[in-house]
Structures are given as structure tokens and as C-alpha cells.
Amino acid sequence: MRTNELVERVLKANPNTVVVNQSGSAVLMPWEDKAPAILQTWYAGNSAGDAIADVLTGVVNPAGKLSLTFPRAIKDTPSYGNFGSKVGPIRYAEGLWVASETAHTAVAHS
């Protein structure tokens, strides 16, 4: 993606860059190990700029926990291997047992 290329170039030019990511879901950040800090802002609406500035300048410390996991690579997701068929239909096999292939298999055979 061109966005990742841009971030890589900015981090190379200034390794002390804080990356502000504004997305509605988890995204891959192949450069994350090069960034000293990443701020996830979601979609904060009209006051997003003010809120981001307050966090970056230390006016507030949200000290929040993310409600989801940001994978380091697509293969780190539970659905890896079930999507992206180049021939034929795309398979979705997680079912109710997203984190447990063994449990899924056991239920499917019962």
C-alpha cells in the first residue's frame, strides 16, 4: 500500500515520528517496529484534531486499552487460510469456534 510506503519514508527521515492511525478497525502496520509510538484514534468526529493534539502534547492521558487486537501480519488472524481463494469460492470455516480449530472439528463431527 502507498500509505505504508509513506509511513516507512517518514520514519526513515525522522525515526522519532509518532504515527497517528485513524481507522475504524484493526489494520496491518508492517512498519510498527520502527515507530517509537503509535496513536490509534478511531474516527473521533469534528473534534478529532483537538483531541489528538491534547494527547500528543500531554494535556490528557487517555490510558485506554484497545478493544481489539491489531495483528502483526494477516497470518496472525484466526481467519487466515479461509479467505483469498484464487480459484473457486472463498471458504469461511471459523464458525462459532473462532480461536479453536480442534473445538470446531469436534463439534462438526458430533
Protein backbone atom coordinates (compact mmCIF):
# COMPACT_ATOMS: atom_id res chain seq x y z
CA MET A 1 0.00 0.00 0.00
CA ARG A 2 1.17 3.51 -0.70
CA THR A 3 0.25 4.60 2.84
CA ASN A 4 2.69 2.08 4.29
CA GLU A 5 5.36 3.30 1.88
CA LEU A 6 4.75 6.90 3.01
CA VAL A 7 4.99 5.96 6.69
CA GLU A 8 8.22 4.00 6.03
CA ARG A 9 9.76 7.02 4.29
CA VAL A 10 8.72 9.44 7.04
CA LEU A 11 10.12 7.11 9.73
CA LYS A 12 13.37 6.81 7.80
CA ALA A 13 13.64 10.61 7.55
CA ASN A 14 12.73 11.08 11.23
CA PRO A 15 12.92 7.99 13.47
CA ASN A 16 11.25 9.97 16.30
CA THR A 17 7.94 10.20 14.42
CA VAL A 18 4.72 9.41 16.27
CA VAL A 19 2.35 7.70 13.85
CA VAL A 20 -1.31 8.64 14.27
CA ASN A 21 -3.55 5.96 12.79
CA GLN A 22 -7.17 6.86 12.16
CA SER A 23 -9.14 3.75 11.19
CA GLY A 24 -12.37 2.03 12.14
CA SER A 25 -10.83 -1.39 12.60
CA ALA A 26 -7.52 -3.17 13.02
CA VAL A 27 -5.07 -2.59 10.19
CA LEU A 28 -1.70 -4.10 9.44
CA MET A 29 1.26 -1.86 10.25
CA PRO A 30 4.33 -3.50 8.72
CA TRP A 31 6.47 -0.58 9.98
CA GLU A 32 5.26 -0.75 13.61
CA ASP A 33 8.61 -1.94 14.96
CA LYS A 34 10.25 1.21 13.53
CA ALA A 35 7.80 3.67 15.10
CA PRO A 36 8.57 4.78 18.67
CA ALA A 37 4.84 5.42 19.28
CA ILE A 38 1.55 4.74 17.53
CA LEU A 39 -1.65 6.56 18.48
CA GLN A 40 -4.89 4.82 17.42
CA THR A 41 -7.62 7.44 17.17
CA TRP A 42 -10.54 5.60 15.52
CA TYR A 43 -12.97 8.05 13.89
CA ALA A 44 -13.38 10.76 16.51
CA GLY A 45 -15.56 13.23 14.61
CA ASN A 46 -15.22 17.01 14.34
CA SER A 47 -13.04 17.42 17.42
CA ALA A 48 -10.56 14.71 16.43
CA GLY A 49 -7.77 17.18 15.72
CA ASP A 50 -8.10 18.88 19.10
CA ALA A 51 -8.26 15.53 20.92
CA ILE A 52 -5.19 14.20 19.09
CA ALA A 53 -3.27 17.41 19.87
CA ASP A 54 -4.20 17.10 23.56
CA VAL A 55 -2.87 13.53 23.68
CA LEU A 56 0.33 14.33 21.76
CA THR A 57 1.13 17.37 23.91
CA GLY A 58 0.36 15.62 27.20
CA VAL A 59 -2.69 17.68 28.15
CA VAL A 60 -4.57 14.39 28.63
CA ASN A 61 -3.52 10.79 29.04
CA PRO A 62 -6.34 8.53 27.89
CA ALA A 63 -4.55 5.41 29.21
CA GLY A 64 -7.06 3.23 27.42
CA LYS A 65 -6.93 -0.37 26.34
CA LEU A 66 -7.80 -1.34 22.80
CA SER A 67 -10.99 -3.32 22.39
CA LEU A 68 -9.42 -5.50 19.73
CA THR A 69 -6.06 -6.89 18.72
CA PHE A 70 -4.01 -5.39 15.93
CA PRO A 71 -2.22 -8.33 14.23
CA ARG A 72 1.42 -8.00 13.20
CA ALA A 73 0.63 -9.91 9.98
CA ILE A 74 -2.52 -11.20 8.27
CA LYS A 75 -1.41 -14.76 9.08
CA ASP A 76 -1.83 -13.86 12.79
CA THR A 77 -5.61 -13.61 12.38
CA PRO A 78 -7.95 -16.55 13.15
CA SER A 79 -9.40 -16.46 9.65
CA TYR A 80 -6.05 -16.73 7.86
CA GLY A 81 -6.26 -19.52 5.32
CA ASN A 82 -10.02 -19.28 4.96
CA PHE A 83 -10.04 -16.32 2.60
CA GLY A 84 -8.47 -15.28 -0.66
CA SER A 85 -9.14 -18.22 -2.95
CA LYS A 86 -7.71 -17.57 -6.40
CA VAL A 87 -9.80 -20.39 -7.91
CA GLY A 88 -13.35 -21.15 -6.87
CA PRO A 89 -15.43 -19.97 -3.95
CA ILE A 90 -13.97 -18.30 -0.89
CA ARG A 91 -14.16 -20.59 2.14
CA TYR A 92 -15.22 -19.33 5.56
CA ALA A 93 -14.76 -22.03 8.17
CA GLU A 94 -14.39 -20.35 11.56
CA GLY A 95 -17.98 -20.77 12.66
CA LEU A 96 -18.56 -20.29 16.39
CA TRP A 97 -15.10 -21.58 17.29
CA VAL A 98 -13.02 -18.67 16.01
CA ALA A 99 -9.99 -19.45 18.18
CA SER A 100 -10.16 -23.24 18.23
CA GLU A 101 -9.88 -25.41 15.14
CA THR A 102 -9.92 -28.51 17.37
CA ALA A 103 -13.18 -27.49 19.03
CA HIS A 104 -14.69 -26.65 15.62
CA THR A 105 -13.74 -30.07 14.27
CA ALA A 106 -15.09 -31.85 17.36
CA VAL A 107 -18.44 -30.10 17.14
CA ALA A 108 -18.68 -30.63 13.39
CA HIS A 109 -18.31 -34.39 13.86
CA SER A 110 -20.70 -34.75 16.80
